[in-house]
N, C-alpha and C. Protein backbone atom coordinates (compact mmCIF):
# COMPACT_ATOMS: atom_id res chain seq x y z
N MET A 1 98.47 99.61 116.27
CA MET A 1 98.86 98.72 115.08
C MET A 1 99.56 97.34 115.66
N THR A 2 98.67 96.16 115.16
CA THR A 2 99.18 94.90 115.54
C THR A 2 99.93 94.48 114.34
N ALA A 3 101.37 94.08 114.32
CA ALA A 3 102.15 93.97 113.24
C ALA A 3 102.58 92.57 113.32
N THR A 4 102.75 91.98 112.11
CA THR A 4 103.34 90.58 112.05
C THR A 4 104.15 90.56 110.74
N GLN A 5 105.08 89.73 110.67
CA GLN A 5 106.07 89.68 109.54
C GLN A 5 105.61 88.68 108.63
N THR A 6 105.70 88.97 107.27
CA THR A 6 105.39 88.05 106.32
C THR A 6 106.56 87.80 105.53
N ASP A 7 106.74 87.07 104.49
CA ASP A 7 107.80 86.90 103.59
C ASP A 7 108.40 88.04 102.97
N ASP A 8 107.61 89.01 102.59
CA ASP A 8 108.07 90.14 101.86
C ASP A 8 108.16 91.52 102.77
N ASP A 9 108.18 91.41 103.99
CA ASP A 9 108.33 92.54 104.74
C ASP A 9 109.32 92.24 105.99
N LEU A 10 109.54 93.44 106.70
CA LEU A 10 110.60 93.36 107.78
C LEU A 10 109.91 94.12 109.06
N LEU A 11 109.89 93.49 110.17
CA LEU A 11 109.44 93.97 111.16
C LEU A 11 110.43 93.91 112.28
N ILE A 12 110.77 95.10 113.06
CA ILE A 12 111.90 95.23 114.12
C ILE A 12 111.11 96.16 115.25
N VAL A 13 111.01 95.61 116.36
CA VAL A 13 110.55 96.18 117.64
C VAL A 13 111.74 96.33 118.63
N ARG A 14 112.09 97.66 118.87
CA ARG A 14 113.18 98.08 119.71
C ARG A 14 112.72 99.03 120.74
N SER A 15 113.28 98.92 122.06
CA SER A 15 113.05 99.84 123.00
C SER A 15 114.24 100.74 123.38
N PHE A 16 114.01 101.95 123.60
CA PHE A 16 115.01 103.05 123.70
C PHE A 16 114.83 103.67 125.01
N ASP A 17 116.05 103.99 125.69
CA ASP A 17 115.98 104.63 126.91
C ASP A 17 115.93 106.08 126.76
N ALA A 18 114.76 106.69 125.98
CA ALA A 18 114.58 107.93 125.88
C ALA A 18 113.16 108.31 125.51
N PRO A 19 112.68 109.49 125.72
CA PRO A 19 111.32 109.72 125.32
C PRO A 19 111.06 109.91 123.93
N ALA A 20 109.83 109.43 123.45
CA ALA A 20 109.33 109.60 122.16
C ALA A 20 109.62 110.79 121.25
N ALA A 21 109.68 111.91 121.97
CA ALA A 21 109.91 113.20 121.18
C ALA A 21 111.30 113.31 120.87
N LEU A 22 112.19 112.63 121.75
CA LEU A 22 113.68 112.66 121.51
C LEU A 22 113.95 111.53 120.25
N ILE A 23 113.51 110.54 120.16
CA ILE A 23 113.45 109.63 119.13
C ILE A 23 112.93 110.18 117.97
N PHE A 24 111.81 110.84 117.98
CA PHE A 24 111.30 111.40 116.73
C PHE A 24 112.31 112.34 116.30
N ARG A 25 112.69 113.28 117.00
CA ARG A 25 113.69 114.26 116.66
C ARG A 25 115.04 113.81 116.03
N LEU A 26 115.55 112.68 116.55
CA LEU A 26 116.72 112.01 115.95
C LEU A 26 116.53 111.53 114.66
N TRP A 27 115.17 111.07 114.33
CA TRP A 27 114.79 110.51 112.86
C TRP A 27 114.48 111.78 111.89
N THR A 28 114.13 112.92 112.38
CA THR A 28 113.70 113.88 111.60
C THR A 28 114.57 115.18 111.47
N ASP A 29 115.56 115.36 112.49
CA ASP A 29 116.61 116.50 112.39
C ASP A 29 117.76 116.13 111.56
N PRO A 30 118.07 116.61 110.46
CA PRO A 30 119.34 116.13 109.75
C PRO A 30 120.66 116.16 110.43
N ALA A 31 120.78 117.18 111.32
CA ALA A 31 121.91 117.16 112.15
C ALA A 31 121.99 116.01 113.07
N HIS A 32 121.13 115.39 113.69
CA HIS A 32 120.96 114.39 114.42
C HIS A 32 121.19 113.05 113.54
N PHE A 33 120.21 112.98 112.52
CA PHE A 33 119.99 111.78 111.72
C PHE A 33 121.44 111.27 111.06
N ARG A 34 122.27 112.27 110.72
CA ARG A 34 123.41 111.88 110.18
C ARG A 34 124.39 111.18 111.19
N ARG A 35 124.20 111.45 112.43
CA ARG A 35 125.16 110.92 113.53
C ARG A 35 124.90 109.48 113.76
N TRP A 36 123.84 108.87 113.34
CA TRP A 36 123.61 107.51 113.75
C TRP A 36 123.11 106.50 112.53
N ILE A 37 122.77 107.27 111.54
CA ILE A 37 122.03 106.43 110.44
C ILE A 37 123.28 105.58 109.65
N GLY A 38 122.83 104.34 109.65
CA GLY A 38 123.84 103.29 108.91
C GLY A 38 124.27 102.46 109.87
N PRO A 39 124.75 101.13 109.35
CA PRO A 39 125.22 100.26 110.10
C PRO A 39 126.59 100.69 110.81
N LYS A 40 127.08 99.93 111.89
CA LYS A 40 128.20 100.47 112.85
C LYS A 40 129.39 100.88 111.84
N GLU A 41 129.71 100.16 110.87
CA GLU A 41 130.90 100.42 110.10
C GLU A 41 130.78 101.59 109.12
N PHE A 42 129.60 102.23 109.28
CA PHE A 42 129.39 103.26 108.16
C PHE A 42 129.47 104.55 108.70
N GLU A 43 129.63 105.66 108.07
CA GLU A 43 129.42 106.92 108.48
C GLU A 43 128.38 107.76 107.29
N CYS A 44 127.59 108.64 108.00
CA CYS A 44 126.71 109.19 106.95
C CYS A 44 127.49 110.67 106.50
N ILE A 45 127.74 110.95 105.37
CA ILE A 45 128.55 111.99 104.88
C ILE A 45 127.57 112.94 104.33
N GLU A 46 126.37 112.77 104.00
CA GLU A 46 125.48 113.65 103.52
C GLU A 46 124.03 113.22 103.84
N THR A 47 123.44 114.34 104.20
CA THR A 47 121.86 114.14 104.40
C THR A 47 121.12 115.45 104.34
N ALA A 48 119.86 115.17 103.83
CA ALA A 48 118.96 116.37 103.69
C ALA A 48 117.49 115.93 104.16
N ILE A 49 116.80 116.69 104.80
CA ILE A 49 115.37 116.16 105.20
C ILE A 49 114.62 117.44 105.00
N ASP A 50 113.41 117.14 104.17
CA ASP A 50 112.31 118.21 104.07
C ASP A 50 111.22 117.65 104.68
N LEU A 51 111.15 117.79 106.01
CA LEU A 51 110.16 117.13 106.74
C LEU A 51 108.77 117.89 106.66
N ARG A 52 107.88 117.27 105.82
CA ARG A 52 106.60 117.62 105.44
C ARG A 52 105.99 116.61 104.55
N VAL A 53 104.73 116.43 104.64
CA VAL A 53 103.94 115.36 103.83
C VAL A 53 104.44 115.69 102.24
N GLY A 54 104.86 114.77 101.53
CA GLY A 54 105.45 115.20 100.24
C GLY A 54 106.83 115.62 100.16
N GLY A 55 107.32 115.90 101.30
CA GLY A 55 108.79 116.44 101.22
C GLY A 55 109.73 115.12 101.16
N ALA A 56 110.97 115.32 100.59
CA ALA A 56 111.83 114.38 100.27
C ALA A 56 113.04 114.41 101.30
N TYR A 57 113.81 113.30 101.49
CA TYR A 57 114.91 113.16 102.30
C TYR A 57 115.85 112.34 101.35
N HIS A 58 117.13 112.46 101.67
CA HIS A 58 118.16 111.53 101.04
C HIS A 58 119.41 111.48 101.96
N ALA A 59 120.13 110.39 101.89
CA ALA A 59 121.35 110.41 102.66
C ALA A 59 122.36 109.55 101.82
N VAL A 60 123.74 109.80 102.15
CA VAL A 60 124.69 108.94 101.74
C VAL A 60 125.54 108.53 102.94
N ILE A 61 125.67 107.20 102.97
CA ILE A 61 126.44 106.44 103.95
C ILE A 61 127.61 105.88 103.32
N ARG A 62 128.84 105.80 103.99
CA ARG A 62 130.10 105.35 103.48
C ARG A 62 130.64 104.37 104.48
N SER A 63 131.13 103.25 103.85
CA SER A 63 131.90 102.23 104.50
C SER A 63 133.24 102.05 103.70
N PRO A 64 134.28 101.88 104.56
CA PRO A 64 135.68 101.65 103.94
C PRO A 64 135.63 100.56 102.96
N GLY A 65 134.81 99.44 103.31
CA GLY A 65 134.76 98.35 102.50
C GLY A 65 133.84 98.40 101.24
N THR A 66 132.74 99.01 101.24
CA THR A 66 131.87 99.15 100.12
C THR A 66 131.72 100.53 99.33
N GLY A 67 132.20 101.54 100.00
CA GLY A 67 132.27 102.84 99.38
C GLY A 67 130.97 103.40 99.85
N ASP A 68 130.41 104.17 98.93
CA ASP A 68 129.15 105.14 99.07
C ASP A 68 127.90 104.47 98.65
N SER A 69 126.88 104.55 99.57
CA SER A 69 125.56 104.07 99.38
C SER A 69 124.45 105.08 99.48
N ARG A 70 123.91 105.43 98.38
CA ARG A 70 122.83 106.38 98.60
C ARG A 70 121.40 105.95 98.74
N PHE A 71 120.57 106.65 99.63
CA PHE A 71 119.18 106.16 99.58
C PHE A 71 118.25 107.53 99.72
N SER A 72 117.07 107.23 99.32
CA SER A 72 116.12 108.53 99.60
C SER A 72 114.70 108.06 99.40
N GLY A 73 113.77 109.04 99.79
CA GLY A 73 112.37 108.72 99.74
C GLY A 73 111.65 109.97 99.92
N VAL A 74 110.39 109.73 100.17
CA VAL A 74 109.44 110.73 100.34
C VAL A 74 108.59 110.49 101.67
N TYR A 75 108.38 111.54 102.34
CA TYR A 75 107.51 111.43 103.41
C TYR A 75 105.90 111.44 103.20
N ARG A 76 105.19 110.28 103.63
CA ARG A 76 103.86 110.03 103.30
C ARG A 76 103.03 110.42 104.56
N GLU A 77 103.53 110.23 105.76
CA GLU A 77 102.78 110.65 106.96
C GLU A 77 103.74 111.06 108.08
N ILE A 78 103.21 112.23 108.73
CA ILE A 78 104.05 112.64 109.94
C ILE A 78 103.10 113.06 111.03
N GLU A 79 103.30 112.33 112.09
CA GLU A 79 102.57 112.62 113.23
C GLU A 79 103.59 112.71 114.39
N PRO A 80 104.01 113.91 114.74
CA PRO A 80 105.11 114.28 115.54
C PRO A 80 105.10 113.38 116.81
N ASN A 81 106.28 112.71 117.29
CA ASN A 81 106.35 111.90 118.50
C ASN A 81 105.65 110.60 118.48
N ARG A 82 104.88 110.32 117.22
CA ARG A 82 103.91 109.11 117.44
C ARG A 82 104.29 108.22 116.10
N ARG A 83 104.40 108.94 115.02
CA ARG A 83 104.18 108.05 113.57
C ARG A 83 104.95 108.68 112.45
N LEU A 84 105.86 107.87 111.65
CA LEU A 84 106.55 108.34 110.58
C LEU A 84 106.39 107.46 109.55
N VAL A 85 106.02 107.77 108.23
CA VAL A 85 105.74 106.84 107.34
C VAL A 85 106.40 107.63 106.00
N PHE A 86 107.32 106.77 105.42
CA PHE A 86 108.26 107.39 104.29
C PHE A 86 108.44 106.26 103.25
N THR A 87 108.75 106.41 102.03
CA THR A 87 109.26 105.68 101.16
C THR A 87 110.87 105.40 101.32
N PHE A 88 111.38 104.44 100.85
CA PHE A 88 112.82 104.10 100.92
C PHE A 88 113.22 103.46 99.63
N ALA A 89 114.35 104.03 98.98
CA ALA A 89 114.87 103.40 97.92
C ALA A 89 116.41 103.45 97.75
N TRP A 90 117.18 102.28 97.54
CA TRP A 90 118.60 102.45 97.31
C TRP A 90 118.78 102.99 96.04
N HIS A 91 119.96 103.64 95.69
CA HIS A 91 120.32 104.20 94.30
C HIS A 91 121.17 103.22 93.64
N GLU A 92 121.94 102.43 94.45
CA GLU A 92 122.84 101.64 93.81
C GLU A 92 122.67 100.14 94.44
N GLY A 93 123.36 99.18 94.00
CA GLY A 93 123.32 97.74 94.46
C GLY A 93 122.30 97.00 94.00
N PRO A 94 122.08 95.76 94.48
CA PRO A 94 121.29 94.81 94.03
C PRO A 94 119.73 95.25 94.22
N ALA A 95 119.30 96.04 95.09
CA ALA A 95 118.06 96.38 95.44
C ALA A 95 117.72 97.83 94.90
N ALA A 96 118.62 98.34 93.97
CA ALA A 96 118.57 99.72 93.71
C ALA A 96 117.19 99.96 92.65
N GLY A 97 116.63 101.05 93.01
CA GLY A 97 115.47 101.42 92.41
C GLY A 97 114.22 100.70 92.87
N VAL A 98 114.22 99.86 93.80
CA VAL A 98 113.18 99.19 94.30
C VAL A 98 112.58 100.07 95.61
N GLU A 99 111.45 100.40 95.56
CA GLU A 99 110.79 101.34 96.43
C GLU A 99 110.10 100.46 97.55
N THR A 100 110.36 100.76 98.91
CA THR A 100 109.60 100.16 99.90
C THR A 100 109.00 101.24 100.75
N LEU A 101 108.07 100.93 101.60
CA LEU A 101 107.58 101.77 102.37
C LEU A 101 107.78 101.59 103.95
N VAL A 102 108.35 102.52 104.68
CA VAL A 102 108.71 102.31 106.02
C VAL A 102 107.76 103.05 106.91
N THR A 103 107.20 102.32 107.75
CA THR A 103 106.29 102.89 108.81
C THR A 103 107.14 102.72 110.27
N ILE A 104 107.14 103.84 111.10
CA ILE A 104 107.67 103.88 112.33
C ILE A 104 106.75 104.43 113.30
N LEU A 105 106.35 103.60 114.42
CA LEU A 105 105.38 103.78 115.32
C LEU A 105 106.11 104.06 116.59
N LEU A 106 105.95 105.09 117.35
CA LEU A 106 106.72 105.45 118.64
C LEU A 106 105.53 105.33 119.84
N GLU A 107 105.88 104.52 120.84
CA GLU A 107 104.99 104.46 121.96
C GLU A 107 105.80 104.62 123.18
N GLU A 108 105.64 105.81 124.03
CA GLU A 108 106.37 106.06 125.25
C GLU A 108 105.59 105.53 126.42
N ARG A 109 106.42 104.95 127.41
CA ARG A 109 105.83 104.60 128.61
C ARG A 109 106.92 104.69 129.65
N ASP A 110 106.86 105.61 130.91
CA ASP A 110 107.69 105.76 131.70
C ASP A 110 109.05 106.18 131.41
N GLY A 111 109.04 107.17 130.20
CA GLY A 111 110.33 107.65 129.93
C GLY A 111 110.99 106.95 128.82
N ARG A 112 110.49 105.70 128.40
CA ARG A 112 111.31 104.74 127.49
C ARG A 112 110.27 104.71 126.32
N THR A 113 110.91 104.57 125.11
CA THR A 113 110.09 104.29 123.91
C THR A 113 110.23 103.06 123.34
N THR A 114 109.06 102.63 122.78
CA THR A 114 109.24 101.40 121.98
C THR A 114 108.94 101.87 120.57
N GLN A 115 109.84 101.52 119.64
CA GLN A 115 109.74 101.82 118.34
C GLN A 115 109.37 100.38 117.57
N THR A 116 108.22 100.67 116.95
CA THR A 116 107.92 99.51 115.87
C THR A 116 108.17 99.97 114.47
N PHE A 117 109.18 99.17 113.79
CA PHE A 117 109.72 99.57 112.43
C PHE A 117 109.17 98.62 111.66
N HIS A 118 108.34 98.88 110.50
CA HIS A 118 107.94 97.95 109.45
C HIS A 118 108.35 98.54 108.15
N GLN A 119 109.00 97.60 107.17
CA GLN A 119 109.30 97.91 105.94
C GLN A 119 108.93 96.98 104.87
N ALA A 120 108.27 97.43 103.86
CA ALA A 120 107.73 96.43 102.80
C ALA A 120 107.38 97.20 101.52
N PRO A 121 107.26 96.32 100.34
CA PRO A 121 107.56 95.08 99.97
C PRO A 121 108.92 94.85 99.85
N PHE A 122 109.49 93.67 99.99
CA PHE A 122 110.77 93.27 99.42
C PHE A 122 110.50 92.26 98.35
N LEU A 123 111.21 92.26 97.38
CA LEU A 123 111.06 91.52 96.24
C LEU A 123 111.79 90.13 96.53
N LYS A 124 112.92 90.09 97.30
CA LYS A 124 113.54 88.90 97.60
C LYS A 124 113.81 88.78 99.05
N ALA A 125 113.78 87.67 99.62
CA ALA A 125 114.05 87.37 100.98
C ALA A 125 115.39 87.87 101.38
N GLU A 126 116.49 87.60 100.75
CA GLU A 126 117.79 88.10 100.91
C GLU A 126 117.98 89.32 101.11
N HIS A 127 117.06 90.21 100.32
CA HIS A 127 117.21 91.67 100.48
C HIS A 127 116.57 92.11 101.89
N ARG A 128 115.47 91.51 102.11
CA ARG A 128 114.72 91.74 103.57
C ARG A 128 115.88 91.28 104.70
N ASP A 129 116.48 90.22 104.58
CA ASP A 129 117.27 89.74 105.54
C ASP A 129 118.73 90.84 105.75
N SER A 130 118.92 91.16 104.46
CA SER A 130 120.14 92.09 104.49
C SER A 130 119.80 93.45 105.31
N HIS A 131 118.66 93.68 104.99
CA HIS A 131 117.96 94.96 105.65
C HIS A 131 117.91 94.62 107.24
N ARG A 132 117.39 93.54 107.56
CA ARG A 132 117.40 93.09 109.08
C ARG A 132 118.65 93.47 109.70
N GLY A 133 119.73 93.00 109.07
CA GLY A 133 121.04 92.95 109.83
C GLY A 133 121.46 94.53 109.91
N GLY A 134 121.14 95.23 108.64
CA GLY A 134 121.59 96.69 108.68
C GLY A 134 120.77 97.56 109.44
N TRP A 135 119.42 97.27 109.57
CA TRP A 135 118.68 98.15 110.55
C TRP A 135 119.00 97.98 111.87
N ASN A 136 119.27 96.67 112.43
CA ASN A 136 119.50 96.44 113.53
C ASN A 136 120.80 96.89 114.20
N SER A 137 121.69 96.92 113.33
CA SER A 137 123.05 97.63 113.59
C SER A 137 122.72 99.03 113.82
N THR A 138 121.93 99.63 112.75
CA THR A 138 121.69 100.98 112.82
C THR A 138 121.02 101.32 114.15
N PHE A 139 119.99 100.53 114.50
CA PHE A 139 119.18 100.96 115.67
C PHE A 139 120.09 100.73 117.12
N ASP A 140 121.17 99.91 116.88
CA ASP A 140 122.09 99.84 118.05
C ASP A 140 122.64 101.25 118.12
N ARG A 141 122.98 101.86 117.09
CA ARG A 141 123.66 103.18 117.00
C ARG A 141 122.67 104.35 117.42
N LEU A 142 121.54 104.08 117.12
CA LEU A 142 120.41 104.92 117.41
C LEU A 142 120.35 104.98 118.97
N ALA A 143 120.42 103.61 119.54
CA ALA A 143 120.27 103.80 121.10
C ALA A 143 121.31 104.28 121.75
N ASP A 144 122.51 104.01 121.30
CA ASP A 144 123.63 104.86 121.99
C ASP A 144 123.57 106.33 121.80
N TYR A 145 123.29 106.79 120.76
CA TYR A 145 123.21 108.26 120.38
C TYR A 145 122.03 108.84 121.19
N ALA A 146 120.81 108.13 121.24
CA ALA A 146 119.69 108.68 122.15
C ALA A 146 120.02 108.78 123.57
N ILE A 147 120.75 107.91 124.03
CA ILE A 147 121.38 108.15 125.42
C ILE A 147 122.03 109.36 125.62
N THR A 148 123.12 109.40 124.70
CA THR A 148 123.92 110.73 124.60
C THR A 148 123.12 112.04 124.72
N GLN A 149 122.18 112.04 123.73
CA GLN A 149 121.27 113.10 123.46
C GLN A 149 120.31 113.52 124.63
N ARG A 150 119.89 112.48 125.23
CA ARG A 150 119.11 112.58 126.53
C ARG A 150 119.69 113.21 127.71
N ARG A 151 120.83 112.87 127.85
CA ARG A 151 121.91 113.33 128.72
C ARG A 151 122.14 114.92 128.54
N GLN A 152 122.50 115.19 127.35
CA GLN A 152 122.71 116.47 126.86
C GLN A 152 121.44 117.30 127.10
N ASP A 153 120.23 116.85 126.77
CA ASP A 153 119.05 117.53 127.10
C ASP A 153 118.83 117.86 128.37
N GLN A 154 119.30 117.05 129.28
CA GLN A 154 118.85 117.13 130.90
C GLN A 154 119.69 118.14 131.40
N ARG A 155 120.95 118.66 130.55
CA ARG A 155 121.85 119.70 131.27
C ARG A 155 121.11 121.00 131.21
């Protein structure tokens, strides 16, 4: 996939020091997902994942400053260790009820994984830009957690 960003979408490419199978597992196993999902000041207090095409997921993340934020969606495509496509919608806040589509591509090389994250469409640039900050902070947490999990897997 060659991806470019337009005004109504978000594109983030990150590299993780972990194999694609591990990154995929961290996205799809609720016990792992809850350990890293949400920006740095948030904790995930609830999550459920029905990992199948047509299956739903949801999570609740909590911040001391903003309280609980709920989001959910439905899986559209699942290609283990390579591709994950799902809808995403907030339940509260200024973007509540607006459904976007998230596509995650994983490419492994030499034990490292490049994740291409694409989310669209956004109705307002400020919503996209808010997601950019939130996802980047979240992916910082994913990077740290992936290193921890990779070390545990090697034991």
